[in-house]
Amino acid sequence: MTTNLPEQRRPELVPPFIREIPPCEDAALALFDADGTIWANDVADDFTTWMIDQGHVSGENWDTYLRIYRDDHPAGCRYLLSFYEGMTLEELGAHVFRWWQEAARAWVDEVVEVIFHLHDKGYPIWILSGTPTEFLLPLKRILPVEAVVGMDFEVDGDLVITGKHAGISCAGQGKAEKIRSIAGDRRVCLSAGNGSLDAAMMEMADLVWSVYPNPEFETYSREKEWAILPRPADFVEEEKFLIED
């Protein structure tokens, strides 16, 4: 699969506090948010707008989605699933694979290096995201990722997407609830995220890394005494709310 990851590893980008983590001896997890943490893009939006442009799904309710997300982020994450009603998981998977072949990610190099570093030390790498799980599965071909846990589509007996959400909502407090429902009481060595939707997941870990937080979440992270990877001077955040009521 085509990626725009650097061909050579850059271990010097791994922060000292993470280099000091000992090898894993108890199957402790390393948890990472996806959008805004591993990369600066938003896969849920970027893939869906591509699907709309390609004519695979309707964009009729796009502004509705943006309004819902603006007012209630987890509800917006769940509403996005409705765009795919009537599509089979197999059809969706084919579109996802093609999109990842074409799309370039704005990788956060430090986080990518930490993923490789912790994997080399024996830590299972899990991705927790409010993005639909199927959109992120190609990550397992690109990075040493053991599990991808995101928003799950409800499907019928023929594996056709109903447009509804299934299971625990993987955003906000739901991230912590979902990981515990799967992993039980396994220790979490490190958790990395970038915003309030990740806070509950981050608080589960022995070590916490706040990546590219906005000013409000940076203040929150400092109050928690979490390690912070600040935004670079040329950082440009994707604008999601260019709509008016």
C-alpha atoms as a PDB file:
ATOM      1  CA  MET A   1       0.000   0.000   0.000  1.00  0.00           C
ATOM      2  CA  THR A   2       1.288   3.443  -0.951  1.00  0.00           C
ATOM      3  CA  THR A   3       2.111   5.744   1.954  1.00  0.00           C
ATOM      4  CA  ASN A   4       4.024   8.959   2.351  1.00  0.00           C
ATOM      5  CA  LEU A   5       5.820   7.789   5.481  1.00  0.00           C
ATOM      6  CA  PRO A   6       9.567   8.444   5.605  1.00  0.00           C
ATOM      7  CA  GLU A   7      11.571   5.475   4.331  1.00  0.00           C
ATOM      8  CA  GLN A   8      14.076   5.738   7.180  1.00  0.00           C
ATOM      9  CA  ARG A   9      13.200   5.561  10.852  1.00  0.00           C
ATOM     10  CA  ARG A  10      14.120   8.581  12.986  1.00  0.00           C
ATOM     11  CA  PRO A  11      14.469   7.266  16.551  1.00  0.00           C
ATOM     12  CA  GLU A  12      15.841  10.609  17.722  1.00  0.00           C
ATOM     13  CA  LEU A  13      12.265  11.935  17.549  1.00  0.00           C
ATOM     14  CA  VAL A  14      11.134   9.654  20.396  1.00  0.00           C
ATOM     15  CA  PRO A  15      10.784  11.819  23.538  1.00  0.00           C
ATOM     16  CA  PRO A  16      13.138  10.943  26.419  1.00  0.00           C
ATOM     17  CA  PHE A  17      10.308  10.009  28.785  1.00  0.00           C
ATOM     18  CA  ILE A  18       9.143   7.378  26.300  1.00  0.00           C
ATOM     19  CA  ARG A  19      12.646   6.082  25.613  1.00  0.00           C
ATOM     20  CA  GLU A  20      12.835   5.356  29.349  1.00  0.00           C
ATOM     21  CA  ILE A  21       9.830   3.001  29.233  1.00  0.00           C
ATOM     22  CA  PRO A  22      11.085  -0.546  29.949  1.00  0.00           C
ATOM     23  CA  PRO A  23      10.292  -3.499  27.670  1.00  0.00           C
ATOM     24  CA  CYS A  24       6.768  -4.861  28.011  1.00  0.00           C
ATOM     25  CA  GLU A  25       6.430  -7.923  30.236  1.00  0.00           C
ATOM     26  CA  ASP A  26       2.696  -7.936  31.003  1.00  0.00           C
ATOM     27  CA  ALA A  27       0.904  -7.285  27.666  1.00  0.00           C
ATOM     28  CA  ALA A  28       0.250  -3.685  28.714  1.00  0.00           C
ATOM     29  CA  LEU A  29      -1.309  -1.624  25.940  1.00  0.00           C
ATOM     30  CA  ALA A  30      -0.179   1.519  24.169  1.00  0.00           C
ATOM     31  CA  LEU A  31      -3.229   3.490  23.020  1.00  0.00           C
ATOM     32  CA  PHE A  32      -3.288   6.149  20.327  1.00  0.00           C
ATOM     33  CA  ASP A  33      -6.014   8.366  18.974  1.00  0.00           C
ATOM     34  CA  ALA A  34      -5.917   8.640  15.170  1.00  0.00           C
ATOM     35  CA  ASP A  35      -7.135  11.942  13.693  1.00  0.00           C
ATOM     36  CA  GLY A  36      -5.104  14.849  15.026  1.00  0.00           C
ATOM     37  CA  THR A  37      -2.681  12.529  16.828  1.00  0.00           C
ATOM     38  CA  ILE A  38      -1.053  10.115  14.366  1.00  0.00           C
ATOM     39  CA  TRP A  39      -1.718  12.587  11.567  1.00  0.00           C
ATOM     40  CA  ALA A  40      -3.052  16.126  11.373  1.00  0.00           C
ATOM     41  CA  ASN A  41      -5.894  15.205   9.001  1.00  0.00           C
ATOM     42  CA  ASP A  42      -9.436  14.003   9.671  1.00  0.00           C
ATOM     43  CA  VAL A  43      -9.934  10.644   7.956  1.00  0.00           C
ATOM     44  CA  ALA A  44     -13.672  10.493   8.678  1.00  0.00           C
ATOM     45  CA  ASP A  45     -14.292  13.774   6.871  1.00  0.00           C
ATOM     46  CA  ASP A  46     -11.643  13.391   4.170  1.00  0.00           C
ATOM     47  CA  PHE A  47     -12.802   9.926   3.150  1.00  0.00           C
ATOM     48  CA  THR A  48     -16.489  10.861   3.232  1.00  0.00           C
ATOM     49  CA  THR A  49     -16.033  13.997   1.131  1.00  0.00           C
ATOM     50  CA  TRP A  50     -14.049  11.875  -1.338  1.00  0.00           C
ATOM     51  CA  MET A  51     -16.884   9.352  -1.413  1.00  0.00           C
ATOM     52  CA  ILE A  52     -19.332  12.200  -2.092  1.00  0.00           C
ATOM     53  CA  ASP A  53     -17.135  13.619  -4.860  1.00  0.00           C
ATOM     54  CA  GLN A  54     -16.849  10.160  -6.425  1.00  0.00           C
ATOM     55  CA  GLY A  55     -20.631   9.760  -6.355  1.00  0.00           C
ATOM     56  CA  HIS A  56     -20.552   6.723  -4.079  1.00  0.00           C
ATOM     57  CA  VAL A  57     -22.624   8.357  -1.318  1.00  0.00           C
ATOM     58  CA  SER A  58     -24.948  11.344  -1.222  1.00  0.00           C
ATOM     59  CA  GLY A  59     -23.750  14.642   0.216  1.00  0.00           C
ATOM     60  CA  GLU A  60     -27.284  15.918   0.799  1.00  0.00           C
ATOM     61  CA  ASN A  61     -26.927  15.780   4.590  1.00  0.00           C
ATOM     62  CA  TRP A  62     -23.363  17.072   4.863  1.00  0.00           C
ATOM     63  CA  ASP A  63     -24.327  20.412   6.419  1.00  0.00           C
ATOM     64  CA  THR A  64     -26.596  18.583   8.849  1.00  0.00           C
ATOM     65  CA  TYR A  65     -23.648  16.440   9.881  1.00  0.00           C
ATOM     66  CA  LEU A  66     -21.466  19.506  10.424  1.00  0.00           C
ATOM     67  CA  ARG A  67     -24.103  21.165  12.596  1.00  0.00           C
ATOM     68  CA  ILE A  68     -24.576  18.041  14.696  1.00  0.00           C
ATOM     69  CA  TYR A  69     -20.833  17.608  15.140  1.00  0.00           C
ATOM     70  CA  ARG A  70     -20.390  21.265  16.055  1.00  0.00           C
ATOM     71  CA  ASP A  71     -22.957  20.970  18.844  1.00  0.00           C
ATOM     72  CA  ASP A  72     -22.220  17.415  20.035  1.00  0.00           C
ATOM     73  CA  HIS A  73     -18.999  15.778  18.802  1.00  0.00           C
ATOM     74  CA  PRO A  74     -19.842  12.146  19.701  1.00  0.00           C
ATOM     75  CA  ALA A  75     -23.308  12.492  18.155  1.00  0.00           C
ATOM     76  CA  GLY A  76     -21.700  13.857  14.998  1.00  0.00           C
ATOM     77  CA  CYS A  77     -19.330  10.882  14.836  1.00  0.00           C
ATOM     78  CA  ARG A  78     -22.317   8.556  15.031  1.00  0.00           C
ATOM     79  CA  TYR A  79     -24.363  10.516  12.479  1.00  0.00           C
ATOM     80  CA  LEU A  80     -21.604  10.169   9.877  1.00  0.00           C
ATOM     81  CA  LEU A  81     -22.376   6.440   9.722  1.00  0.00           C
ATOM     82  CA  SER A  82     -25.744   7.231   8.138  1.00  0.00           C
ATOM     83  CA  PHE A  83     -24.028   8.314   4.897  1.00  0.00           C
ATOM     84  CA  TYR A  84     -23.204   4.664   4.199  1.00  0.00           C
ATOM     85  CA  GLU A  85     -26.681   3.167   4.587  1.00  0.00           C
ATOM     86  CA  GLY A  86     -27.304   0.456   1.997  1.00  0.00           C
ATOM     87  CA  MET A  87     -23.639  -0.265   1.246  1.00  0.00           C
ATOM     88  CA  THR A  88     -22.131  -3.647   2.051  1.00  0.00           C
ATOM     89  CA  LEU A  89     -19.029  -3.896   4.219  1.00  0.00           C
ATOM     90  CA  GLU A  90     -17.238  -5.488   1.268  1.00  0.00           C
ATOM     91  CA  GLU A  91     -18.080  -2.548  -0.994  1.00  0.00           C
ATOM     92  CA  LEU A  92     -17.014  -0.081   1.676  1.00  0.00           C
ATOM     93  CA  GLY A  93     -13.737  -1.919   2.225  1.00  0.00           C
ATOM     94  CA  ALA A  94     -12.890  -1.678  -1.473  1.00  0.00           C
ATOM     95  CA  HIS A  95     -13.510   2.079  -1.472  1.00  0.00           C
ATOM     96  CA  VAL A  96     -11.450   2.522   1.709  1.00  0.00           C
ATOM     97  CA  PHE A  97      -8.519   0.619   0.197  1.00  0.00           C
ATOM     98  CA  ARG A  98      -8.606   2.740  -2.956  1.00  0.00           C
ATOM     99  CA  TRP A  99      -8.776   5.977  -0.962  1.00  0.00           C
ATOM    100  CA  TRP A 100      -5.759   5.028   1.142  1.00  0.00           C
ATOM    101  CA  GLN A 101      -3.883   4.280  -2.068  1.00  0.00           C
ATOM    102  CA  GLU A 102      -4.519   7.828  -3.279  1.00  0.00           C
ATOM    103  CA  ALA A 103      -4.639   9.954  -0.135  1.00  0.00           C
ATOM    104  CA  ALA A 104      -1.608  11.517   1.524  1.00  0.00           C
ATOM    105  CA  ARG A 105      -1.549  11.727   5.310  1.00  0.00           C
ATOM    106  CA  ALA A 106       0.039  14.639   7.186  1.00  0.00           C
ATOM    107  CA  TRP A 107       1.794  12.262   9.589  1.00  0.00           C
ATOM    108  CA  VAL A 108       2.953  13.489  12.982  1.00  0.00           C
ATOM    109  CA  ASP A 109       6.479  12.116  12.741  1.00  0.00           C
ATOM    110  CA  GLU A 110       7.119  11.974  16.479  1.00  0.00           C
ATOM    111  CA  VAL A 111       4.025   9.857  17.065  1.00  0.00           C
ATOM    112  CA  VAL A 112       4.868   7.494  14.212  1.00  0.00           C
ATOM    113  CA  GLU A 113       8.339   6.960  15.688  1.00  0.00           C
ATOM    114  CA  VAL A 114       6.875   6.308  19.135  1.00  0.00           C
ATOM    115  CA  ILE A 115       4.541   3.677  17.685  1.00  0.00           C
ATOM    116  CA  PHE A 116       7.493   1.830  16.157  1.00  0.00           C
ATOM    117  CA  HIS A 117       9.544   2.298  19.323  1.00  0.00           C
ATOM    118  CA  LEU A 118       6.909   0.862  21.658  1.00  0.00           C
ATOM    119  CA  HIS A 119       6.127  -1.971  19.276  1.00  0.00           C
ATOM    120  CA  ASP A 120       9.821  -2.887  19.264  1.00  0.00           C
ATOM    121  CA  LYS A 121       9.645  -3.004  23.072  1.00  0.00           C
ATOM    122  CA  GLY A 122       6.776  -5.468  22.922  1.00  0.00           C
ATOM    123  CA  TYR A 123       3.789  -3.196  23.583  1.00  0.00           C
ATOM    124  CA  PRO A 124       0.619  -4.001  21.617  1.00  0.00           C
ATOM    125  CA  ILE A 125      -0.400  -0.862  19.701  1.00  0.00           C
ATOM    126  CA  TRP A 126      -4.124  -0.125  19.672  1.00  0.00           C
ATOM    127  CA  ILE A 127      -5.799   2.721  17.806  1.00  0.00           C
ATOM    128  CA  LEU A 128      -8.916   4.221  19.444  1.00  0.00           C
ATOM    129  CA  SER A 129     -10.910   6.645  17.321  1.00  0.00           C
ATOM    130  CA  GLY A 130     -14.289   8.263  16.774  1.00  0.00           C
ATOM    131  CA  THR A 131     -13.750   7.546  13.072  1.00  0.00           C
ATOM    132  CA  PRO A 132     -15.509   4.416  11.746  1.00  0.00           C
ATOM    133  CA  THR A 133     -13.355   1.337  12.317  1.00  0.00           C
ATOM    134  CA  GLU A 134     -13.482   0.271   8.660  1.00  0.00           C
ATOM    135  CA  PHE A 135     -11.973   3.586   7.533  1.00  0.00           C
ATOM    136  CA  LEU A 136      -8.841   2.914   9.585  1.00  0.00           C
ATOM    137  CA  LEU A 137      -8.209  -0.790   9.003  1.00  0.00           C
ATOM    138  CA  PRO A 138      -5.521  -0.117   6.345  1.00  0.00           C
ATOM    139  CA  LEU A 139      -3.376   1.242   9.181  1.00  0.00           C
ATOM    140  CA  LYS A 140      -2.627  -2.373  10.076  1.00  0.00           C
ATOM    141  CA  ARG A 141      -0.766  -2.672   6.757  1.00  0.00           C
ATOM    142  CA  ILE A 142       1.183   0.532   7.298  1.00  0.00           C
ATOM    143  CA  LEU A 143       2.113   0.656  10.987  1.00  0.00           C
ATOM    144  CA  PRO A 144       2.696  -2.113  13.563  1.00  0.00           C
ATOM    145  CA  VAL A 145      -0.869  -1.857  14.849  1.00  0.00           C
ATOM    146  CA  GLU A 146      -2.487  -4.822  16.595  1.00  0.00           C
ATOM    147  CA  ALA A 147      -6.041  -3.500  16.850  1.00  0.00           C
ATOM    148  CA  VAL A 148      -8.199  -0.687  15.474  1.00  0.00           C
ATOM    149  CA  VAL A 149     -11.195   0.262  17.602  1.00  0.00           C
ATOM    150  CA  GLY A 150     -13.547   2.936  16.276  1.00  0.00           C
ATOM    151  CA  MET A 151     -17.200   3.647  15.623  1.00  0.00           C
ATOM    152  CA  ASP A 152     -18.914   0.455  14.489  1.00  0.00           C
ATOM    153  CA  PHE A 153     -21.545   0.178  11.783  1.00  0.00           C
ATOM    154  CA  GLU A 154     -24.722  -1.738  12.475  1.00  0.00           C
ATOM    155  CA  VAL A 155     -25.202  -4.280   9.674  1.00  0.00           C
ATOM    156  CA  ASP A 156     -28.037  -6.620   8.767  1.00  0.00           C
ATOM    157  CA  GLY A 157     -27.801 -10.352   8.133  1.00  0.00           C
ATOM    158  CA  ASP A 158     -26.352  -9.754   4.669  1.00  0.00           C
ATOM    159  CA  LEU A 159     -23.648  -7.422   6.039  1.00  0.00           C
ATOM    160  CA  VAL A 160     -25.412  -4.402   4.571  1.00  0.00           C
ATOM    161  CA  ILE A 161     -24.904  -1.180   6.543  1.00  0.00           C
ATOM    162  CA  THR A 162     -28.117   0.087   8.138  1.00  0.00           C
ATOM    163  CA  GLY A 163     -26.791   3.605   8.718  1.00  0.00           C
ATOM    164  CA  LYS A 164     -26.996   3.198  12.474  1.00  0.00           C
ATOM    165  CA  HIS A 165     -24.314   2.861  15.114  1.00  0.00           C
ATOM    166  CA  ALA A 166     -23.653  -0.418  16.921  1.00  0.00           C
ATOM    167  CA  GLY A 167     -22.101  -1.039  20.321  1.00  0.00           C
ATOM    168  CA  ILE A 168     -20.296   1.477  22.482  1.00  0.00           C
ATOM    169  CA  SER A 169     -19.749   4.928  21.004  1.00  0.00           C
ATOM    170  CA  CYS A 170     -15.980   5.304  20.677  1.00  0.00           C
ATOM    171  CA  ALA A 171     -15.729   8.997  21.568  1.00  0.00           C
ATOM    172  CA  GLY A 172     -15.403  10.885  24.822  1.00  0.00           C
ATOM    173  CA  GLN A 173     -16.118   8.708  27.861  1.00  0.00           C
ATOM    174  CA  GLY A 174     -17.086   5.968  25.435  1.00  0.00           C
ATOM    175  CA  LYS A 175     -13.448   5.488  24.433  1.00  0.00           C
ATOM    176  CA  ALA A 176     -12.565   4.396  27.954  1.00  0.00           C
ATOM    177  CA  GLU A 177     -15.692   2.248  28.223  1.00  0.00           C
ATOM    178  CA  LYS A 178     -15.024   0.553  24.900  1.00  0.00           C
ATOM    179  CA  ILE A 179     -11.398  -0.285  25.629  1.00  0.00           C
ATOM    180  CA  ARG A 180     -12.362  -1.774  28.989  1.00  0.00           C
ATOM    181  CA  SER A 181     -15.123  -3.812  27.366  1.00  0.00           C
ATOM    182  CA  ILE A 182     -12.519  -5.386  25.086  1.00  0.00           C
ATOM    183  CA  ALA A 183      -9.313  -5.412  27.116  1.00  0.00           C
ATOM    184  CA  GLY A 184     -10.706  -5.804  30.621  1.00  0.00           C
ATOM    185  CA  ASP A 185      -8.260  -4.703  33.283  1.00  0.00           C
ATOM    186  CA  ARG A 186      -5.107  -4.878  31.163  1.00  0.00           C
ATOM    187  CA  ARG A 187      -2.673  -2.154  32.115  1.00  0.00           C
ATOM    188  CA  VAL A 188      -2.340   0.812  29.771  1.00  0.00           C
ATOM    189  CA  CYS A 189       1.289   1.913  29.639  1.00  0.00           C
ATOM    190  CA  LEU A 190       0.868   4.961  27.400  1.00  0.00           C
ATOM    191  CA  SER A 191      -2.091   6.821  25.951  1.00  0.00           C
ATOM    192  CA  ALA A 192      -1.737   9.581  23.367  1.00  0.00           C
ATOM    193  CA  GLY A 193      -4.478  11.923  22.221  1.00  0.00           C
ATOM    194  CA  ASN A 194      -5.087  15.482  21.152  1.00  0.00           C
ATOM    195  CA  GLY A 195      -8.357  16.714  22.604  1.00  0.00           C
ATOM    196  CA  SER A 196     -11.282  16.451  24.967  1.00  0.00           C
ATOM    197  CA  LEU A 197     -12.751  13.439  23.148  1.00  0.00           C
ATOM    198  CA  ASP A 198      -9.580  11.542  24.134  1.00  0.00           C
ATOM    199  CA  ALA A 199      -9.352  12.651  27.770  1.00  0.00           C
ATOM    200  CA  ALA A 200     -11.092   9.643  29.332  1.00  0.00           C
ATOM    201  CA  MET A 201      -8.879   7.266  27.352  1.00  0.00           C
ATOM    202  CA  MET A 202      -5.776   9.244  28.259  1.00  0.00           C
ATOM    203  CA  GLU A 203      -6.548   9.154  31.960  1.00  0.00           C
ATOM    204  CA  MET A 204      -6.438   5.340  31.894  1.00  0.00           C
ATOM    205  CA  ALA A 205      -2.677   5.256  31.279  1.00  0.00           C
ATOM    206  CA  ASP A 206       0.443   5.256  33.437  1.00  0.00           C
ATOM    207  CA  LEU A 207       1.963   7.796  31.046  1.00  0.00           C
ATOM    208  CA  VAL A 208       0.009  10.328  29.008  1.00  0.00           C
ATOM    209  CA  TRP A 209       1.072  12.258  25.932  1.00  0.00           C
ATOM    210  CA  SER A 210      -0.959  15.234  24.725  1.00  0.00           C
ATOM    211  CA  VAL A 211      -0.225  15.687  21.008  1.00  0.00           C
ATOM    212  CA  TYR A 212      -0.765  18.986  19.199  1.00  0.00           C
ATOM    213  CA  PRO A 213      -3.469  20.104  21.661  1.00  0.00           C
ATOM    214  CA  ASN A 214      -5.462  23.255  20.999  1.00  0.00           C
ATOM    215  CA  PRO A 215      -4.918  26.062  23.548  1.00  0.00           C
ATOM    216  CA  GLU A 216      -7.808  24.941  25.751  1.00  0.00           C
ATOM    217  CA  PHE A 217      -6.731  21.308  25.846  1.00  0.00           C
ATOM    218  CA  GLU A 218      -3.100  22.317  26.299  1.00  0.00           C
ATOM    219  CA  THR A 219      -4.116  24.175  29.461  1.00  0.00           C
ATOM    220  CA  TYR A 220      -6.041  21.115  30.634  1.00  0.00           C
ATOM    221  CA  SER A 221      -3.032  18.911  29.875  1.00  0.00           C
ATOM    222  CA  ARG A 222      -0.705  21.155  31.846  1.00  0.00           C
ATOM    223  CA  GLU A 223      -3.078  21.062  34.805  1.00  0.00           C
ATOM    224  CA  LYS A 224      -2.929  17.259  34.611  1.00  0.00           C
ATOM    225  CA  GLU A 225       0.885  17.437  34.329  1.00  0.00           C
ATOM    226  CA  TRP A 226       0.808  15.431  31.115  1.00  0.00           C
ATOM    227  CA  ALA A 227       3.681  15.461  28.642  1.00  0.00           C
ATOM    228  CA  ILE A 228       2.870  17.712  25.679  1.00  0.00           C
ATOM    229  CA  LEU A 229       3.988  17.729  22.066  1.00  0.00           C
ATOM    230  CA  PRO A 230       3.180  21.336  21.109  1.00  0.00           C
ATOM    231  CA  ARG A 231       1.873  22.353  17.745  1.00  0.00           C
ATOM    232  CA  PRO A 232       4.588  23.489  15.328  1.00  0.00           C
ATOM    233  CA  ALA A 233       4.610  27.112  14.235  1.00  0.00           C
ATOM    234  CA  ASP A 234       3.274  26.213  10.764  1.00  0.00           C
ATOM    235  CA  PHE A 235       0.474  23.986  12.059  1.00  0.00           C
ATOM    236  CA  VAL A 236      -2.865  24.553  10.330  1.00  0.00           C
ATOM    237  CA  GLU A 237      -5.924  22.925  11.884  1.00  0.00           C
ATOM    238  CA  GLU A 238      -8.589  21.628   9.523  1.00  0.00           C
ATOM    239  CA  GLU A 239     -11.657  23.864   9.761  1.00  0.00           C
ATOM    240  CA  LYS A 240     -14.803  21.788  10.203  1.00  0.00           C
ATOM    241  CA  PHE A 241     -17.484  24.351  10.910  1.00  0.00           C
ATOM    242  CA  LEU A 242     -17.709  26.675   7.906  1.00  0.00           C
ATOM    243  CA  ILE A 243     -21.513  26.743   8.074  1.00  0.00           C
ATOM    244  CA  GLU A 244     -24.137  29.051   9.478  1.00  0.00           C
ATOM    245  CA  ASP A 245     -27.484  28.143  11.025  1.00  0.00           C
END
